[in-house]
Amino acid sequence: MEPVEINAGTCYLRAFRADDRLDDRPALVKAFSDPAMRRFVRAYRIETIDEAGDYIATRARGWKLNQRASWAIAEPTTGFLLGG
């Protein structure tokens, strides 16, 4: 299954990305450094850019194998990651 994008004007859902146009890795490292995030999301630890890249690759594999669909919540006009 290919990732699906949903743009409802105020909300834009897309696959996590790490490419020449959008790179979610720094935002993921920052998000996972928040104590509240660590408290509620215990399955993953993302402390480095490489770990963020692995997280994105795992999400992409889930789409490809039809095992998992996950979306990044992004700003609708720029595509910058807001959450996930």
PDB file of N, CA and C in Angstrom:
ATOM      1  N   MET A   1       0.844  -1.171   0.000  1.00  0.00           N
ATOM      2  CA  MET A   1       0.000   0.000   0.000  1.00  0.00           C
ATOM      3  C   MET A   1       0.892   1.238   0.000  1.00  0.00           C
ATOM      4  N   GLU A   2       0.533   2.186  -0.800  1.00  0.00           N
ATOM      5  CA  GLU A   2       1.263   3.451  -0.836  1.00  0.00           C
ATOM      6  C   GLU A   2       0.692   4.399   0.218  1.00  0.00           C
ATOM      7  N   PRO A   3       1.531   5.240   0.824  1.00  0.00           N
ATOM      8  CA  PRO A   3       1.020   6.210   1.787  1.00  0.00           C
ATOM      9  C   PRO A   3      -0.033   7.122   1.156  1.00  0.00           C
ATOM     10  N   VAL A   4      -1.043   7.411   1.936  1.00  0.00           N
ATOM     11  CA  VAL A   4      -2.131   8.281   1.508  1.00  0.00           C
ATOM     12  C   VAL A   4      -1.931   9.638   2.166  1.00  0.00           C
ATOM     13  N   GLU A   5      -2.158  10.699   1.414  1.00  0.00           N
ATOM     14  CA  GLU A   5      -2.120  12.047   1.975  1.00  0.00           C
ATOM     15  C   GLU A   5      -3.541  12.566   2.090  1.00  0.00           C
ATOM     16  N   ILE A   6      -3.825  13.216   3.205  1.00  0.00           N
ATOM     17  CA  ILE A   6      -5.140  13.798   3.435  1.00  0.00           C
ATOM     18  C   ILE A   6      -4.936  15.265   3.779  1.00  0.00           C
ATOM     19  N   ASN A   7      -5.452  16.149   2.943  1.00  0.00           N
ATOM     20  CA  ASN A   7      -5.345  17.581   3.209  1.00  0.00           C
ATOM     21  C   ASN A   7      -6.752  18.144   3.308  1.00  0.00           C
ATOM     22  N   ALA A   8      -7.135  18.505   4.535  1.00  0.00           N
ATOM     23  CA  ALA A   8      -8.475  19.033   4.785  1.00  0.00           C
ATOM     24  C   ALA A   8      -8.441  20.536   5.028  1.00  0.00           C
ATOM     25  N   GLY A   9      -7.407  21.197   4.548  1.00  0.00           N
ATOM     26  CA  GLY A   9      -7.299  22.644   4.713  1.00  0.00           C
ATOM     27  C   GLY A   9      -6.652  23.042   6.022  1.00  0.00           C
ATOM     28  N   THR A  10      -7.264  22.688   7.138  1.00  0.00           N
ATOM     29  CA  THR A  10      -6.682  23.017   8.440  1.00  0.00           C
ATOM     30  C   THR A  10      -5.812  21.887   8.969  1.00  0.00           C
ATOM     31  N   CYS A  11      -5.896  20.747   8.345  1.00  0.00           N
ATOM     32  CA  CYS A  11      -5.150  19.574   8.784  1.00  0.00           C
ATOM     33  C   CYS A  11      -4.591  18.848   7.560  1.00  0.00           C
ATOM     34  N   TYR A  12      -3.323  18.509   7.619  1.00  0.00           N
ATOM     35  CA  TYR A  12      -2.660  17.808   6.518  1.00  0.00           C
ATOM     36  C   TYR A  12      -1.976  16.581   7.098  1.00  0.00           C
ATOM     37  N   LEU A  13      -2.417  15.413   6.682  1.00  0.00           N
ATOM     38  CA  LEU A  13      -1.819  14.157   7.121  1.00  0.00           C
ATOM     39  C   LEU A  13      -1.025  13.572   5.972  1.00  0.00           C
ATOM     40  N   ARG A  14       0.207  13.172   6.254  1.00  0.00           N
ATOM     41  CA  ARG A  14       1.089  12.625   5.224  1.00  0.00           C
ATOM     42  C   ARG A  14       2.027  11.629   5.872  1.00  0.00           C
ATOM     43  N   ALA A  15       2.762  10.918   5.049  1.00  0.00           N
ATOM     44  CA  ALA A  15       3.770   9.993   5.572  1.00  0.00           C
ATOM     45  C   ALA A  15       4.926  10.788   6.182  1.00  0.00           C
ATOM     46  N   PHE A  16       5.592  10.191   7.164  1.00  0.00           N
ATOM     47  CA  PHE A  16       6.823  10.788   7.682  1.00  0.00           C
ATOM     48  C   PHE A  16       7.846  10.783   6.561  1.00  0.00           C
ATOM     49  N   ARG A  17       8.678  11.829   6.515  1.00  0.00           N
ATOM     50  CA  ARG A  17       9.629  11.949   5.406  1.00  0.00           C
ATOM     51  C   ARG A  17      11.013  12.360   5.889  1.00  0.00           C
ATOM     52  N   ALA A  18      11.998  11.959   5.099  1.00  0.00           N
ATOM     53  CA  ALA A  18      13.389  12.390   5.276  1.00  0.00           C
ATOM     54  C   ALA A  18      13.998  12.413   3.886  1.00  0.00           C
ATOM     55  N   ASP A  19      13.709  13.473   3.156  1.00  0.00           N
ATOM     56  CA  ASP A  19      14.218  13.595   1.790  1.00  0.00           C
ATOM     57  C   ASP A  19      14.685  15.028   1.551  1.00  0.00           C
ATOM     58  N   ASP A  20      15.005  15.348   0.300  1.00  0.00           N
ATOM     59  CA  ASP A  20      15.559  16.673   0.010  1.00  0.00           C
ATOM     60  C   ASP A  20      14.525  17.793   0.118  1.00  0.00           C
ATOM     61  N   ARG A  21      13.249  17.469   0.155  1.00  0.00           N
ATOM     62  CA  ARG A  21      12.211  18.493   0.255  1.00  0.00           C
ATOM     63  C   ARG A  21      11.715  18.685   1.690  1.00  0.00           C
ATOM     64  N   LEU A  22      11.488  17.588   2.388  1.00  0.00           N
ATOM     65  CA  LEU A  22      11.030  17.624   3.780  1.00  0.00           C
ATOM     66  C   LEU A  22      11.832  16.623   4.599  1.00  0.00           C
ATOM     67  N   ASP A  23      12.305  17.069   5.751  1.00  0.00           N
ATOM     68  CA  ASP A  23      13.077  16.194   6.632  1.00  0.00           C
ATOM     69  C   ASP A  23      12.487  16.281   8.035  1.00  0.00           C
ATOM     70  N   ASP A  24      11.754  15.260   8.421  1.00  0.00           N
ATOM     71  CA  ASP A  24      11.095  15.231   9.724  1.00  0.00           C
ATOM     72  C   ASP A  24      12.020  14.807  10.854  1.00  0.00           C
ATOM     73  N   ARG A  25      13.215  14.362  10.542  1.00  0.00           N
ATOM     74  CA  ARG A  25      14.098  13.820  11.579  1.00  0.00           C
ATOM     75  C   ARG A  25      14.402  14.805  12.705  1.00  0.00           C
ATOM     76  N   PRO A  26      14.802  16.062  12.423  1.00  0.00           N
ATOM     77  CA  PRO A  26      15.077  16.984  13.535  1.00  0.00           C
ATOM     78  C   PRO A  26      13.852  17.237  14.417  1.00  0.00           C
ATOM     79  N   ALA A  27      12.678  17.352  13.811  1.00  0.00           N
ATOM     80  CA  ALA A  27      11.453  17.577  14.591  1.00  0.00           C
ATOM     81  C   ALA A  27      11.124  16.364  15.458  1.00  0.00           C
ATOM     82  N   LEU A  28      11.392  15.164  14.956  1.00  0.00           N
ATOM     83  CA  LEU A  28      11.157  13.957  15.757  1.00  0.00           C
ATOM     84  C   LEU A  28      12.103  13.895  16.951  1.00  0.00           C
ATOM     85  N   VAL A  29      13.378  14.226  16.738  1.00  0.00           N
ATOM     86  CA  VAL A  29      14.341  14.241  17.849  1.00  0.00           C
ATOM     87  C   VAL A  29      13.874  15.235  18.907  1.00  0.00           C
ATOM     88  N   LYS A  30      13.455  16.411  18.472  1.00  0.00           N
ATOM     89  CA  LYS A  30      12.985  17.434  19.411  1.00  0.00           C
ATOM     90  C   LYS A  30      11.734  16.966  20.153  1.00  0.00           C
ATOM     91  N   ALA A  31      10.774  16.406  19.436  1.00  0.00           N
ATOM     92  CA  ALA A  31       9.532  15.946  20.066  1.00  0.00           C
ATOM     93  C   ALA A  31       9.805  14.869  21.110  1.00  0.00           C
ATOM     94  N   PHE A  32      10.679  13.925  20.782  1.00  0.00           N
ATOM     95  CA  PHE A  32      10.953  12.825  21.701  1.00  0.00           C
ATOM     96  C   PHE A  32      11.849  13.240  22.868  1.00  0.00           C
ATOM     97  N   SER A  33      12.370  14.458  22.848  1.00  0.00           N
ATOM     98  CA  SER A  33      13.132  14.952  23.997  1.00  0.00           C
ATOM     99  C   SER A  33      12.207  15.562  25.050  1.00  0.00           C
ATOM    100  N   ASP A  34      10.947  15.775  24.713  1.00  0.00           N
ATOM    101  CA  ASP A  34       9.959  16.331  25.637  1.00  0.00           C
ATOM    102  C   ASP A  34       9.587  15.265  26.677  1.00  0.00           C
ATOM    103  N   PRO A  35       9.696  15.587  27.975  1.00  0.00           N
ATOM    104  CA  PRO A  35       9.372  14.602  29.013  1.00  0.00           C
ATOM    105  C   PRO A  35       7.942  14.047  28.906  1.00  0.00           C
ATOM    106  N   ALA A  36       6.991  14.870  28.502  1.00  0.00           N
ATOM    107  CA  ALA A  36       5.609  14.386  28.358  1.00  0.00           C
ATOM    108  C   ALA A  36       5.521  13.336  27.256  1.00  0.00           C
ATOM    109  N   MET A  37       6.238  13.570  26.168  1.00  0.00           N
ATOM    110  CA  MET A  37       6.240  12.600  25.067  1.00  0.00           C
ATOM    111  C   MET A  37       6.841  11.285  25.547  1.00  0.00           C
ATOM    112  N   ARG A  38       7.931  11.376  26.270  1.00  0.00           N
ATOM    113  CA  ARG A  38       8.582  10.158  26.777  1.00  0.00           C
ATOM    114  C   ARG A  38       7.689   9.415  27.769  1.00  0.00           C
ATOM    115  N   ARG A  39       6.890  10.170  28.498  1.00  0.00           N
ATOM    116  CA  ARG A  39       6.002   9.547  29.476  1.00  0.00           C
ATOM    117  C   ARG A  39       4.913   8.719  28.798  1.00  0.00           C
ATOM    118  N   PHE A  40       4.369   9.237  27.708  1.00  0.00           N
ATOM    119  CA  PHE A  40       3.232   8.581  27.071  1.00  0.00           C
ATOM    120  C   PHE A  40       3.600   7.691  25.887  1.00  0.00           C
ATOM    121  N   VAL A  41       4.744   7.904  25.286  1.00  0.00           N
ATOM    122  CA  VAL A  41       5.186   7.076  24.156  1.00  0.00           C
ATOM    123  C   VAL A  41       6.425   6.313  24.614  1.00  0.00           C
ATOM    124  N   ARG A  42       6.198   5.128  25.095  1.00  0.00           N
ATOM    125  CA  ARG A  42       7.300   4.348  25.663  1.00  0.00           C
ATOM    126  C   ARG A  42       7.881   3.327  24.702  1.00  0.00           C
ATOM    127  N   ALA A  43       7.190   3.087  23.611  1.00  0.00           N
ATOM    128  CA  ALA A  43       7.641   2.055  22.674  1.00  0.00           C
ATOM    129  C   ALA A  43       8.860   2.496  21.871  1.00  0.00           C
ATOM    130  N   TYR A  44       9.085   3.802  21.769  1.00  0.00           N
ATOM    131  CA  TYR A  44      10.186   4.316  20.949  1.00  0.00           C
ATOM    132  C   TYR A  44      10.998   5.322  21.734  1.00  0.00           C
ATOM    133  N   ARG A  45      12.298   5.298  21.483  1.00  0.00           N
ATOM    134  CA  ARG A  45      13.207   6.318  21.995  1.00  0.00           C
ATOM    135  C   ARG A  45      13.925   6.878  20.788  1.00  0.00           C
ATOM    136  N   ILE A  46      13.782   8.151  20.552  1.00  0.00           N
ATOM    137  CA  ILE A  46      14.471   8.798  19.437  1.00  0.00           C
ATOM    138  C   ILE A  46      15.312   9.921  20.022  1.00  0.00           C
ATOM    139  N   GLU A  47      16.625   9.708  20.041  1.00  0.00           N
ATOM    140  CA  GLU A  47      17.536  10.693  20.604  1.00  0.00           C
ATOM    141  C   GLU A  47      18.510  11.242  19.576  1.00  0.00           C
ATOM    142  N   THR A  48      18.603  10.599  18.417  1.00  0.00           N
ATOM    143  CA  THR A  48      19.552  11.041  17.390  1.00  0.00           C
ATOM    144  C   THR A  48      18.860  11.109  16.028  1.00  0.00           C
ATOM    145  N   ILE A  49      19.508  11.804  15.110  1.00  0.00           N
ATOM    146  CA  ILE A  49      18.997  11.885  13.739  1.00  0.00           C
ATOM    147  C   ILE A  49      18.921  10.483  13.125  1.00  0.00           C
ATOM    148  N   ASP A  50      19.910   9.647  13.391  1.00  0.00           N
ATOM    149  CA  ASP A  50      19.896   8.278  12.851  1.00  0.00           C
ATOM    150  C   ASP A  50      18.714   7.477  13.388  1.00  0.00           C
ATOM    151  N   GLU A  51      18.424   7.618  14.687  1.00  0.00           N
ATOM    152  CA  GLU A  51      17.273   6.917  15.261  1.00  0.00           C
ATOM    153  C   GLU A  51      15.969   7.426  14.659  1.00  0.00           C
ATOM    154  N   ALA A  52      15.893   8.721  14.405  1.00  0.00           N
ATOM    155  CA  ALA A  52      14.707   9.285  13.750  1.00  0.00           C
ATOM    156  C   ALA A  52      14.571   8.725  12.337  1.00  0.00           C
ATOM    157  N   GLY A  53      15.685   8.579  11.639  1.00  0.00           N
ATOM    158  CA  GLY A  53      15.665   7.982  10.305  1.00  0.00           C
ATOM    159  C   GLY A  53      15.186   6.542  10.337  1.00  0.00           C
ATOM    160  N   ASP A  54      15.614   5.795  11.355  1.00  0.00           N
ATOM    161  CA  ASP A  54      15.152   4.411  11.516  1.00  0.00           C
ATOM    162  C   ASP A  54      13.645   4.368  11.771  1.00  0.00           C
ATOM    163  N   TYR A  55      13.151   5.290  12.582  1.00  0.00           N
ATOM    164  CA  TYR A  55      11.716   5.379  12.878  1.00  0.00           C
ATOM    165  C   TYR A  55      10.931   5.629  11.592  1.00  0.00           C
ATOM    166  N   ILE A  56      11.406   6.565  10.781  1.00  0.00           N
ATOM    167  CA  ILE A  56      10.742   6.880   9.509  1.00  0.00           C
ATOM    168  C   ILE A  56      10.784   5.670   8.580  1.00  0.00           C
ATOM    169  N   ALA A  57      11.921   4.991   8.523  1.00  0.00           N
ATOM    170  CA  ALA A  57      12.042   3.798   7.670  1.00  0.00           C
ATOM    171  C   ALA A  57      11.088   2.693   8.125  1.00  0.00           C
ATOM    172  N   THR A  58      10.934   2.520   9.439  1.00  0.00           N
ATOM    173  CA  THR A  58      10.001   1.525   9.970  1.00  0.00           C
ATOM    174  C   THR A  58       8.574   1.860   9.567  1.00  0.00           C
ATOM    175  N   ARG A  59       8.225   3.131   9.640  1.00  0.00           N
ATOM    176  CA  ARG A  59       6.882   3.567   9.238  1.00  0.00           C
ATOM    177  C   ARG A  59       6.665   3.324   7.738  1.00  0.00           C
ATOM    178  N   ALA A  60       7.663   3.606   6.931  1.00  0.00           N
ATOM    179  CA  ALA A  60       7.552   3.391   5.479  1.00  0.00           C
ATOM    180  C   ALA A  60       7.393   1.903   5.165  1.00  0.00           C
ATOM    181  N   ARG A  61       8.133   1.056   5.893  1.00  0.00           N
ATOM    182  CA  ARG A  61       8.021  -0.392   5.706  1.00  0.00           C
ATOM    183  C   ARG A  61       6.614  -0.880   6.053  1.00  0.00           C
ATOM    184  N   GLY A  62       6.040  -0.317   7.107  1.00  0.00           N
ATOM    185  CA  GLY A  62       4.681  -0.691   7.492  1.00  0.00           C
ATOM    186  C   GLY A  62       3.669  -0.407   6.394  1.00  0.00           C
ATOM    187  N   TRP A  63       3.814   0.761   5.748  1.00  0.00           N
ATOM    188  CA  TRP A  63       2.944   1.087   4.611  1.00  0.00           C
ATOM    189  C   TRP A  63       3.155   0.075   3.486  1.00  0.00           C
ATOM    190  N   LYS A  64       4.417  -0.150   3.138  1.00  0.00           N
ATOM    191  CA  LYS A  64       4.741  -1.006   1.989  1.00  0.00           C
ATOM    192  C   LYS A  64       4.231  -2.436   2.170  1.00  0.00           C
ATOM    193  N   LEU A  65       4.309  -2.947   3.388  1.00  0.00           N
ATOM    194  CA  LEU A  65       3.908  -4.327   3.667  1.00  0.00           C
ATOM    195  C   LEU A  65       2.435  -4.455   4.063  1.00  0.00           C
ATOM    196  N   ASN A  66       1.700  -3.353   3.990  1.00  0.00           N
ATOM    197  CA  ASN A  66       0.283  -3.346   4.391  1.00  0.00           C
ATOM    198  C   ASN A  66       0.089  -3.796   5.837  1.00  0.00           C
ATOM    199  N   GLN A  67       1.041  -3.455   6.693  1.00  0.00           N
ATOM    200  CA  GLN A  67       0.958  -3.851   8.094  1.00  0.00           C
ATOM    201  C   GLN A  67       0.608  -2.691   9.011  1.00  0.00           C
ATOM    202  N   ARG A  68       0.921  -1.486   8.587  1.00  0.00           N
ATOM    203  CA  ARG A  68       0.708  -0.337   9.459  1.00  0.00           C
ATOM    204  C   ARG A  68       0.554   0.907   8.604  1.00  0.00           C
ATOM    205  N   ALA A  69      -0.396   1.725   8.988  1.00  0.00           N
ATOM    206  CA  ALA A  69      -0.550   3.037   8.361  1.00  0.00           C
ATOM    207  C   ALA A  69      -0.336   4.078   9.445  1.00  0.00           C
ATOM    208  N   SER A  70       0.584   4.976   9.226  1.00  0.00           N
ATOM    209  CA  SER A  70       0.826   6.032  10.205  1.00  0.00           C
ATOM    210  C   SER A  70       0.998   7.343   9.460  1.00  0.00           C
ATOM    211  N   TRP A  71       0.566   8.393  10.091  1.00  0.00           N
ATOM    212  CA  TRP A  71       0.618   9.705   9.455  1.00  0.00           C
ATOM    213  C   TRP A  71       1.383  10.696  10.308  1.00  0.00           C
ATOM    214  N   ALA A  72       2.045  11.595   9.617  1.00  0.00           N
ATOM    215  CA  ALA A  72       2.615  12.781  10.240  1.00  0.00           C
ATOM    216  C   ALA A  72       1.552  13.867  10.141  1.00  0.00           C
ATOM    217  N   ILE A  73       1.347  14.602  11.210  1.00  0.00           N
ATOM    218  CA  ILE A  73       0.439  15.744  11.180  1.00  0.00           C
ATOM    219  C   ILE A  73       1.292  16.943  10.798  1.00  0.00           C
ATOM    220  N   ALA A  74       0.948  17.557   9.679  1.00  0.00           N
ATOM    221  CA  ALA A  74       1.801  18.608   9.127  1.00  0.00           C
ATOM    222  C   ALA A  74       1.036  19.906   8.913  1.00  0.00           C
ATOM    223  N   GLU A  75       1.791  20.982   8.851  1.00  0.00           N
ATOM    224  CA  GLU A  75       1.229  22.291   8.539  1.00  0.00           C
ATOM    225  C   GLU A  75       0.776  22.247   7.084  1.00  0.00           C
ATOM    226  N   PRO A  76      -0.474  22.626   6.783  1.00  0.00           N
ATOM    227  CA  PRO A  76      -1.033  22.416   5.447  1.00  0.00           C
ATOM    228  C   PRO A  76      -0.322  23.139   4.301  1.00  0.00           C
ATOM    229  N   THR A  77       0.241  24.303   4.535  1.00  0.00           N
ATOM    230  CA  THR A  77       0.843  25.032   3.412  1.00  0.00           C
ATOM    231  C   THR A  77       2.317  24.734   3.212  1.00  0.00           C
ATOM    232  N   THR A  78       3.030  24.407   4.293  1.00  0.00           N
ATOM    233  CA  THR A  78       4.469  24.149   4.167  1.00  0.00           C
ATOM    234  C   THR A  78       4.816  22.666   4.219  1.00  0.00           C
ATOM    235  N   GLY A  79       3.952  21.870   4.828  1.00  0.00           N
ATOM    236  CA  GLY A  79       4.234  20.449   5.005  1.00  0.00           C
ATOM    237  C   GLY A  79       5.115  20.146   6.195  1.00  0.00           C
ATOM    238  N   PHE A  80       5.519  21.172   6.965  1.00  0.00           N
ATOM    239  CA  PHE A  80       6.399  20.946   8.109  1.00  0.00           C
ATOM    240  C   PHE A  80       5.687  20.156   9.201  1.00  0.00           C
ATOM    241  N   LEU A  81       6.415  19.233   9.803  1.00  0.00           N
ATOM    242  CA  LEU A  81       5.878  18.337  10.820  1.00  0.00           C
ATOM    243  C   LEU A  81       5.422  19.108  12.054  1.00  0.00           C
ATOM    244  N   LEU A  82       4.188  18.831  12.490  1.00  0.00           N
ATOM    245  CA  LEU A  82       3.658  19.381  13.736  1.00  0.00           C
ATOM    246  C   LEU A  82       3.532  18.294  14.797  1.00  0.00           C
ATOM    247  N   GLY A  83       3.289  17.074  14.367  1.00  0.00           N
ATOM    248  CA  GLY A  83       3.111  15.955  15.293  1.00  0.00           C
ATOM    249  C   GLY A  83       2.894  14.677  14.516  1.00  0.00           C
ATOM    250  N   GLY A  84       2.587  13.628  15.225  1.00  0.00           N
ATOM    251  CA  GLY A  84       2.364  12.364  14.531  1.00  0.00           C
ATOM    252  C   GLY A  84       1.654  11.370  15.384  1.00  0.00           C
TER     253      GLY A  84
END
